[in-house]
Amino acid sequence: QVKELFRAVMRDDPTMVEWLASKGLDVLGARNSANLSALQLANERGKEAVADCLQRMAAAAEGTQAHEPAAAEAAAVARAPTDERVKELFRAVMRDDAAEVERLAGE
């Protein structure tokens, strides 16, 4: 079911995410092989519908012991770098532009 969750993220399919959650899958705590949560992946890949769905789930779970870390993660992921920013950082590293790397990493 975890693989199905991450497939749903990549398809930007919140209905499937909700269905998997209803079947007992911990959609907020599950990690892929890159150790990313579904919410992190959704934000990184611009999957807005799924990201919104997962953030709502995290907010609803806030205050329950089982998902407190996931709710905190939702707030942290909101500040996560975008794909474009990661590409800019990679380009700066490849140009050996230390000042630009520092600027981008500090944002």
C-alpha atoms as a PDB file:
ATOM      1  CA  GLN A   1       0.000   0.000   0.000  1.00  0.00           C
ATOM      2  CA  VAL A   2       2.924   2.360   0.571  1.00  0.00           C
ATOM      3  CA  LYS A   3       3.867   2.127  -3.107  1.00  0.00           C
ATOM      4  CA  GLU A   4       0.273   2.950  -4.014  1.00  0.00           C
ATOM      5  CA  LEU A   5       0.473   6.025  -1.790  1.00  0.00           C
ATOM      6  CA  PHE A   6       3.515   7.356  -3.603  1.00  0.00           C
ATOM      7  CA  ARG A   7       1.973   6.541  -6.983  1.00  0.00           C
ATOM      8  CA  ALA A   8      -1.084   8.553  -5.896  1.00  0.00           C
ATOM      9  CA  VAL A   9       1.194  11.431  -4.932  1.00  0.00           C
ATOM     10  CA  MET A  10       2.847  11.409  -8.350  1.00  0.00           C
ATOM     11  CA  ARG A  11      -0.586  11.324 -10.046  1.00  0.00           C
ATOM     12  CA  ASP A  12      -1.750  14.155  -7.729  1.00  0.00           C
ATOM     13  CA  ASP A  13      -4.680  11.962  -6.696  1.00  0.00           C
ATOM     14  CA  PRO A  14      -5.991  13.028  -3.271  1.00  0.00           C
ATOM     15  CA  THR A  15      -8.957  10.662  -3.539  1.00  0.00           C
ATOM     16  CA  MET A  16      -6.607   7.670  -3.563  1.00  0.00           C
ATOM     17  CA  VAL A  17      -4.608   9.125  -0.662  1.00  0.00           C
ATOM     18  CA  GLU A  18      -7.808   9.503   1.374  1.00  0.00           C
ATOM     19  CA  TRP A  19      -8.906   5.972   0.441  1.00  0.00           C
ATOM     20  CA  LEU A  20      -5.553   4.526   1.521  1.00  0.00           C
ATOM     21  CA  ALA A  21      -5.828   6.408   4.812  1.00  0.00           C
ATOM     22  CA  SER A  22      -9.331   5.025   5.318  1.00  0.00           C
ATOM     23  CA  LYS A  23      -7.896   1.522   4.871  1.00  0.00           C
ATOM     24  CA  GLY A  24      -5.468   2.118   7.731  1.00  0.00           C
ATOM     25  CA  LEU A  25      -2.306   3.184   5.926  1.00  0.00           C
ATOM     26  CA  ASP A  26      -0.337   5.816   7.844  1.00  0.00           C
ATOM     27  CA  VAL A  27      -0.211   8.255   4.940  1.00  0.00           C
ATOM     28  CA  LEU A  28       1.453  10.905   7.107  1.00  0.00           C
ATOM     29  CA  GLY A  29       4.211   8.664   8.428  1.00  0.00           C
ATOM     30  CA  ALA A  30       4.996   6.515   5.383  1.00  0.00           C
ATOM     31  CA  ARG A  31       8.373   7.043   3.676  1.00  0.00           C
ATOM     32  CA  ASN A  32       9.605   6.140   0.218  1.00  0.00           C
ATOM     33  CA  SER A  33      12.997   4.652  -0.654  1.00  0.00           C
ATOM     34  CA  ALA A  34      14.521   8.155  -0.614  1.00  0.00           C
ATOM     35  CA  ASN A  35      13.178   8.577   2.954  1.00  0.00           C
ATOM     36  CA  LEU A  36      10.704  11.255   1.836  1.00  0.00           C
ATOM     37  CA  SER A  37       7.240  11.461   3.300  1.00  0.00           C
ATOM     38  CA  ALA A  38       4.281  11.695   0.937  1.00  0.00           C
ATOM     39  CA  LEU A  39       3.889  15.342   1.918  1.00  0.00           C
ATOM     40  CA  GLN A  40       7.534  16.130   1.204  1.00  0.00           C
ATOM     41  CA  LEU A  41       7.317  14.459  -2.199  1.00  0.00           C
ATOM     42  CA  ALA A  42       4.062  16.235  -3.048  1.00  0.00           C
ATOM     43  CA  ASN A  43       5.581  19.612  -2.186  1.00  0.00           C
ATOM     44  CA  GLU A  44       8.831  18.902  -4.031  1.00  0.00           C
ATOM     45  CA  ARG A  45       7.011  17.818  -7.181  1.00  0.00           C
ATOM     46  CA  GLY A  46       4.323  20.523  -7.090  1.00  0.00           C
ATOM     47  CA  LYS A  47       1.459  18.069  -6.526  1.00  0.00           C
ATOM     48  CA  GLU A  48      -0.793  20.696  -4.954  1.00  0.00           C
ATOM     49  CA  ALA A  49      -4.005  18.698  -4.575  1.00  0.00           C
ATOM     50  CA  VAL A  50      -2.265  15.892  -2.685  1.00  0.00           C
ATOM     51  CA  ALA A  51      -0.160  18.338  -0.659  1.00  0.00           C
ATOM     52  CA  ASP A  52      -3.326  20.178   0.415  1.00  0.00           C
ATOM     53  CA  CYS A  53      -5.012  16.885   1.283  1.00  0.00           C
ATOM     54  CA  LEU A  54      -2.050  15.710   3.383  1.00  0.00           C
ATOM     55  CA  GLN A  55      -1.730  19.078   5.118  1.00  0.00           C
ATOM     56  CA  ARG A  56      -5.429  18.941   6.036  1.00  0.00           C
ATOM     57  CA  MET A  57      -4.928  15.418   7.393  1.00  0.00           C
ATOM     58  CA  ALA A  58      -1.906  16.560   9.405  1.00  0.00           C
ATOM     59  CA  ALA A  59      -3.833  19.516  10.795  1.00  0.00           C
ATOM     60  CA  ALA A  60      -6.742  17.242  11.732  1.00  0.00           C
ATOM     61  CA  ALA A  61      -4.333  14.841  13.415  1.00  0.00           C
ATOM     62  CA  GLU A  62      -2.572  17.630  15.288  1.00  0.00           C
ATOM     63  CA  GLY A  63      -2.908  17.113  18.971  1.00  0.00           C
ATOM     64  CA  THR A  64      -3.077  13.329  18.726  1.00  0.00           C
ATOM     65  CA  GLN A  65       0.046  11.579  19.900  1.00  0.00           C
ATOM     66  CA  ALA A  66       0.340   9.302  16.901  1.00  0.00           C
ATOM     67  CA  HIS A  67       0.708  12.103  14.366  1.00  0.00           C
ATOM     68  CA  GLU A  68       2.259  15.025  16.212  1.00  0.00           C
ATOM     69  CA  PRO A  69       5.541  14.602  14.287  1.00  0.00           C
ATOM     70  CA  ALA A  70       3.622  14.561  10.996  1.00  0.00           C
ATOM     71  CA  ALA A  71       1.858  17.820  11.871  1.00  0.00           C
ATOM     72  CA  ALA A  72       5.207  19.408  12.713  1.00  0.00           C
ATOM     73  CA  GLU A  73       6.585  18.015   9.465  1.00  0.00           C
ATOM     74  CA  ALA A  74       3.737  19.655   7.530  1.00  0.00           C
ATOM     75  CA  ALA A  75       4.863  23.041   8.798  1.00  0.00           C
ATOM     76  CA  ALA A  76       8.500  22.292   7.977  1.00  0.00           C
ATOM     77  CA  VAL A  77       7.687  21.032   4.499  1.00  0.00           C
ATOM     78  CA  ALA A  78       5.814  24.226   3.743  1.00  0.00           C
ATOM     79  CA  ARG A  79       9.249  25.862   3.921  1.00  0.00           C
ATOM     80  CA  ALA A  80      10.943  23.138   1.842  1.00  0.00           C
ATOM     81  CA  PRO A  81      12.807  24.197  -1.287  1.00  0.00           C
ATOM     82  CA  THR A  82      11.073  23.965  -4.617  1.00  0.00           C
ATOM     83  CA  ASP A  83      12.385  21.929  -7.539  1.00  0.00           C
ATOM     84  CA  GLU A  84      13.457  25.184  -9.213  1.00  0.00           C
ATOM     85  CA  ARG A  85      15.423  26.297  -6.168  1.00  0.00           C
ATOM     86  CA  VAL A  86      17.133  22.906  -5.964  1.00  0.00           C
ATOM     87  CA  LYS A  87      18.078  23.234  -9.644  1.00  0.00           C
ATOM     88  CA  GLU A  88      19.508  26.716  -9.013  1.00  0.00           C
ATOM     89  CA  LEU A  89      21.535  25.355  -6.116  1.00  0.00           C
ATOM     90  CA  PHE A  90      22.803  22.456  -8.236  1.00  0.00           C
ATOM     91  CA  ARG A  91      23.840  24.860 -11.023  1.00  0.00           C
ATOM     92  CA  ALA A  92      25.708  27.044  -8.523  1.00  0.00           C
ATOM     93  CA  VAL A  93      27.515  23.979  -7.160  1.00  0.00           C
ATOM     94  CA  MET A  94      28.467  22.889 -10.675  1.00  0.00           C
ATOM     95  CA  ARG A  95      29.817  26.406 -11.412  1.00  0.00           C
ATOM     96  CA  ASP A  96      31.766  26.256  -8.134  1.00  0.00           C
ATOM     97  CA  ASP A  97      30.069  29.534  -7.140  1.00  0.00           C
ATOM     98  CA  ALA A  98      30.452  29.410  -3.350  1.00  0.00           C
ATOM     99  CA  ALA A  99      28.754  32.756  -2.759  1.00  0.00           C
ATOM    100  CA  GLU A 100      25.669  31.712  -4.733  1.00  0.00           C
ATOM    101  CA  VAL A 101      25.569  28.311  -3.001  1.00  0.00           C
ATOM    102  CA  GLU A 102      25.716  30.044   0.385  1.00  0.00           C
ATOM    103  CA  ARG A 103      22.984  32.504  -0.622  1.00  0.00           C
ATOM    104  CA  LEU A 104      20.668  29.761  -1.896  1.00  0.00           C
ATOM    105  CA  ALA A 105      21.339  27.419   1.023  1.00  0.00           C
ATOM    106  CA  GLY A 106      20.641  30.189   3.510  1.00  0.00           C
ATOM    107  CA  GLU A 107      17.232  31.145   2.107  1.00  0.00           C
END
